[in-house]
Every structure is written in structure tokens, then in C-alpha cells.
N, C-alpha and C. Protein backbone atom coordinates (compact mmCIF):
# COMPACT_ATOMS: atom_id res chain seq x y z
N MET A 1 -14.81 4.46 3.68
CA MET A 1 -14.07 3.98 3.76
C MET A 1 -12.58 3.77 3.74
N ARG A 2 -11.67 2.85 4.11
CA ARG A 2 -10.90 3.51 3.97
C ARG A 2 -9.72 2.71 2.48
N SER A 3 -8.99 3.53 2.40
CA SER A 3 -8.21 3.34 0.91
C SER A 3 -6.90 1.94 1.18
N PHE A 4 -6.76 1.86 0.60
CA PHE A 4 -5.32 0.60 0.73
C PHE A 4 -4.46 1.37 1.07
N LEU A 5 -3.83 2.49 1.04
CA LEU A 5 -3.07 2.93 1.51
C LEU A 5 -2.59 3.62 2.76
N THR A 6 -4.27 3.57 3.38
CA THR A 6 -4.34 4.10 5.13
C THR A 6 -3.80 3.02 6.15
N VAL A 7 -4.47 1.15 5.34
CA VAL A 7 -4.90 0.14 5.77
C VAL A 7 -3.80 -0.78 5.81
N VAL A 8 -3.09 -0.55 4.57
CA VAL A 8 -2.10 -1.49 4.53
C VAL A 8 -0.39 -0.84 4.54
N ILE A 9 -0.14 0.12 3.34
CA ILE A 9 0.74 0.50 3.21
C ILE A 9 1.91 1.24 4.25
N PHE A 10 0.87 2.14 5.09
CA PHE A 10 1.13 3.48 6.35
C PHE A 10 1.41 2.57 7.40
N PRO A 11 1.28 1.46 7.80
CA PRO A 11 1.61 0.65 8.57
C PRO A 11 2.47 0.17 8.68
N LEU A 12 2.70 -0.71 6.93
CA LEU A 12 3.86 -1.48 6.23
C LEU A 12 5.17 -0.30 6.23
N PHE A 13 4.89 0.79 6.27
CA PHE A 13 6.10 1.78 5.95
C PHE A 13 6.16 1.93 7.60
N PHE A 14 5.76 2.12 8.71
CA PHE A 14 5.78 2.62 10.07
C PHE A 14 6.60 0.94 10.62
N GLY A 15 5.80 0.48 10.66
CA GLY A 15 6.86 -0.57 11.24
C GLY A 15 8.83 -1.10 10.39
N LEU A 16 8.19 -0.65 8.88
CA LEU A 16 9.81 -0.47 8.77
C LEU A 16 11.03 -0.28 9.36
N PHE A 17 10.30 0.91 8.90
CA PHE A 17 11.08 2.54 9.16
C PHE A 17 11.43 2.46 10.79
N ALA A 18 10.39 1.55 11.95
CA ALA A 18 10.56 1.43 13.45
C ALA A 18 12.00 0.39 13.51
N ILE A 19 11.54 -0.18 12.40
CA ILE A 19 13.04 -1.46 12.47
C ILE A 19 14.36 -0.98 12.04
N LEU A 20 13.97 -0.22 11.18
CA LEU A 20 14.99 0.06 10.58
C LEU A 20 15.91 0.90 11.53
N THR A 21 15.19 1.76 12.58
CA THR A 21 15.86 3.02 13.43
C THR A 21 16.67 2.95 14.33
N VAL A 22 15.58 1.00 14.92
CA VAL A 22 16.61 0.57 15.99
C VAL A 22 17.18 -0.27 15.78
N TYR A 23 17.64 -0.48 14.39
CA TYR A 23 18.83 -1.65 13.91
C TYR A 23 20.16 -0.35 13.35
N ALA A 24 19.59 0.76 13.06
CA ALA A 24 21.04 2.03 13.04
C ALA A 24 21.52 2.81 14.26
N LEU A 25 20.06 2.54 15.09
CA LEU A 25 20.70 3.04 16.81
C LEU A 25 21.95 1.74 17.39
N VAL A 26 21.51 0.22 17.11
CA VAL A 26 22.14 -1.04 17.78
C VAL A 26 23.18 -0.58 16.92
N ARG A 27 22.99 -0.70 16.34
CA ARG A 27 24.74 -0.95 14.74
C ARG A 27 25.49 -0.13 14.89
N TYR A 28 24.84 1.28 14.44
CA TYR A 28 26.13 2.88 14.20
C TYR A 28 26.02 3.61 14.65
N GLY A 29 24.81 3.22 15.81
CA GLY A 29 24.78 4.68 16.77
C GLY A 29 23.79 5.84 16.73
N ILE A 30 23.86 6.54 17.79
CA ILE A 30 23.02 7.80 17.91
C ILE A 30 23.00 8.40 16.55
N LEU A 31 23.92 8.86 15.43
CA LEU A 31 23.80 9.66 15.05
C LEU A 31 23.27 9.57 13.27
N ALA A 32 23.18 7.93 12.88
CA ALA A 32 22.86 7.38 12.65
C ALA A 32 21.27 6.74 12.69
N ALA A 33 20.52 6.94 13.85
CA ALA A 33 19.48 7.27 13.84
C ALA A 33 19.05 8.27 14.49
N VAL A 34 19.11 9.07 13.65
CA VAL A 34 19.06 10.41 14.22
C VAL A 34 18.43 11.10 12.48
N PHE A 35 19.06 10.61 11.75
CA PHE A 35 19.08 10.30 10.10
C PHE A 35 17.71 9.64 9.93
N ALA A 36 17.89 8.28 10.24
CA ALA A 36 16.70 7.57 10.36
C ALA A 36 15.30 8.14 10.47
N ILE A 37 15.29 8.98 11.92
CA ILE A 37 13.82 9.36 12.23
C ILE A 37 13.99 10.90 11.62
N GLY A 38 14.81 11.47 11.07
CA GLY A 38 14.37 12.53 10.08
C GLY A 38 13.65 12.10 8.80
N GLY A 39 14.28 10.86 8.68
CA GLY A 39 14.20 10.76 6.70
C GLY A 39 12.30 10.28 7.23
N PHE A 40 12.10 9.32 8.36
CA PHE A 40 10.38 9.15 8.60
C PHE A 40 9.30 10.74 8.50
N GLY A 41 10.49 11.82 9.33
CA GLY A 41 9.56 12.63 9.23
C GLY A 41 9.50 13.10 8.19
N VAL A 42 9.90 13.04 7.10
CA VAL A 42 9.69 13.44 5.89
C VAL A 42 8.63 12.92 5.21
N LEU A 43 8.29 11.55 5.98
CA LEU A 43 7.18 10.99 4.53
C LEU A 43 5.93 11.65 4.65
N PRO A 44 5.33 11.96 5.69
CA PRO A 44 4.18 12.24 5.91
C PRO A 44 4.16 13.29 4.88
N PHE A 45 5.28 14.30 4.50
CA PHE A 45 4.98 15.80 3.95
C PHE A 45 5.16 14.66 2.31
N LEU A 46 5.84 13.89 2.08
CA LEU A 46 5.53 13.14 0.40
C LEU A 46 4.46 12.51 0.31
N VAL A 47 3.36 12.26 1.31
CA VAL A 47 2.13 11.41 1.24
C VAL A 47 1.29 12.10 0.97
N ARG A 48 1.41 13.35 1.33
CA ARG A 48 0.16 14.52 1.55
C ARG A 48 0.80 14.96 0.21
N GLY A 49 1.37 15.04 -0.51
CA GLY A 49 1.59 15.76 -2.22
C GLY A 49 0.89 14.47 -2.80
N ALA A 50 1.51 13.37 -2.51
CA ALA A 50 0.43 11.86 -3.25
C ALA A 50 -0.40 12.42 -3.67
N LYS A 51 -0.96 12.20 -2.21
CA LYS A 51 -2.43 12.51 -1.88
C LYS A 51 -2.88 13.69 -3.03
N GLY A 52 -2.32 15.13 -2.90
CA GLY A 52 -2.86 16.26 -3.46
C GLY A 52 -2.87 15.60 -5.27
N ALA A 53 -2.06 14.79 -5.22
CA ALA A 53 -1.92 14.90 -7.09
C ALA A 53 -2.63 14.03 -6.98
N ILE A 54 -3.23 13.24 -6.91
CA ILE A 54 -4.39 12.20 -7.14
C ILE A 54 -5.52 12.30 -7.05
N ARG A 55 -5.69 13.21 -6.17
CA ARG A 55 -7.21 14.00 -5.85
C ARG A 55 -7.20 15.43 -6.94
N LYS A 56 -5.75 15.88 -7.34
CA LYS A 56 -6.10 16.78 -8.79
C LYS A 56 -6.59 15.92 -9.79
N ARG A 57 -5.96 14.89 -9.65
CA ARG A 57 -6.01 13.70 -10.84
C ARG A 57 -7.34 13.40 -11.39
N ARG A 58 -8.28 13.07 -10.18
CA ARG A 58 -9.24 12.59 -10.40
C ARG A 58 -10.50 14.08 -10.41
N LYS A 59 -10.37 14.88 -10.13
CA LYS A 59 -10.69 15.77 -10.25
C LYS A 59 -11.28 16.44 -11.73
N ASN A 60 -9.69 16.62 -12.32
CA ASN A 60 -9.62 17.00 -13.85
C ASN A 60 -10.67 15.89 -13.99
N GLU A 61 -10.32 14.51 -14.12
CA GLU A 61 -10.71 13.76 -15.44
C GLU A 61 -12.26 13.69 -14.80
N PHE A 62 -13.25 14.12 -13.55
CA PHE A 62 -14.34 14.41 -12.75
C PHE A 62 -14.85 15.66 -13.75
N GLU A 63 -13.87 16.35 -14.36
CA GLU A 63 -14.64 17.47 -14.91
C GLU A 63 -14.23 16.63 -16.45
N ALA A 64 -13.66 16.49 -17.28
CA ALA A 64 -13.88 16.02 -18.24
C ALA A 64 -15.06 15.40 -18.83
N GLU A 65 -15.03 14.51 -17.77
CA GLU A 65 -16.61 13.51 -18.04
C GLU A 65 -17.85 14.87 -18.15
N ALA A 66 -17.98 15.39 -17.27
CA ALA A 66 -19.01 16.44 -17.12
C ALA A 66 -18.64 17.67 -18.34
N GLU A 67 -18.37 17.63 -18.31
CA GLU A 67 -18.33 18.95 -19.52
C GLU A 67 -18.34 18.05 -20.98
N LYS A 68 -17.97 16.75 -21.42
CA LYS A 68 -18.51 15.30 -22.57
C LYS A 68 -20.19 15.59 -22.06
N TYR A 69 -20.80 15.97 -21.35
CA TYR A 69 -22.32 15.96 -21.43
C TYR A 69 -23.08 17.59 -21.17
N GLY A 70 -21.90 18.17 -21.01
CA GLY A 70 -22.43 19.59 -21.26
C GLY A 70 -22.46 20.13 -19.98
N ILE A 71 -22.27 19.88 -19.03
CA ILE A 71 -22.49 20.11 -17.23
C ILE A 71 -21.54 20.65 -16.78
N LYS A 72 -21.51 22.14 -16.44
CA LYS A 72 -20.53 23.26 -15.86
C LYS A 72 -20.44 22.50 -14.76
N VAL A 73 -19.02 22.20 -14.51
CA VAL A 73 -18.76 22.39 -13.06
C VAL A 73 -17.91 23.38 -12.70
N TYR A 74 -18.21 24.20 -10.87
CA TYR A 74 -17.73 25.23 -10.76
C TYR A 74 -16.42 24.79 -9.26
């Protein structure tokens, strides 16, 4: 099952950055477009960190629930 993040948010951000990159290229020149593309290149690393934090929080909640019932989680 695909998450809301991959179905809605990623395409929305991709479209927004594509539009902003073209706008920066046309309005301000090549240097601004390079900065826009560089910002877009950093996005996957930020998303990976956010996904890792969510996964870690879910794991901690699962372990706490298991400990409540006396189940060991390795």
C-alpha cells in the first residue's frame, strides 16, 4: 500500500520545483536555476531522514506496547 507521502506530496513538490526552476531560469538566469536544482537535489536526503525518524518512532511505540504485555522484542 502506498503512503500519502509518495502518492500526493512527492508529485506536488516535484511539480512545484520544476515550475520554480523554469521560472528562475527564465526570469533570473542560469545561476538562479542552478541554485533551484541544487535545492531540489537536497530534498531526497531530507525526506529519507524524515522517513527514518518516523520508522524509529513507530518501532519504539511497538516495543513499548510489547513490553506492556511482557513480550521481548529483539
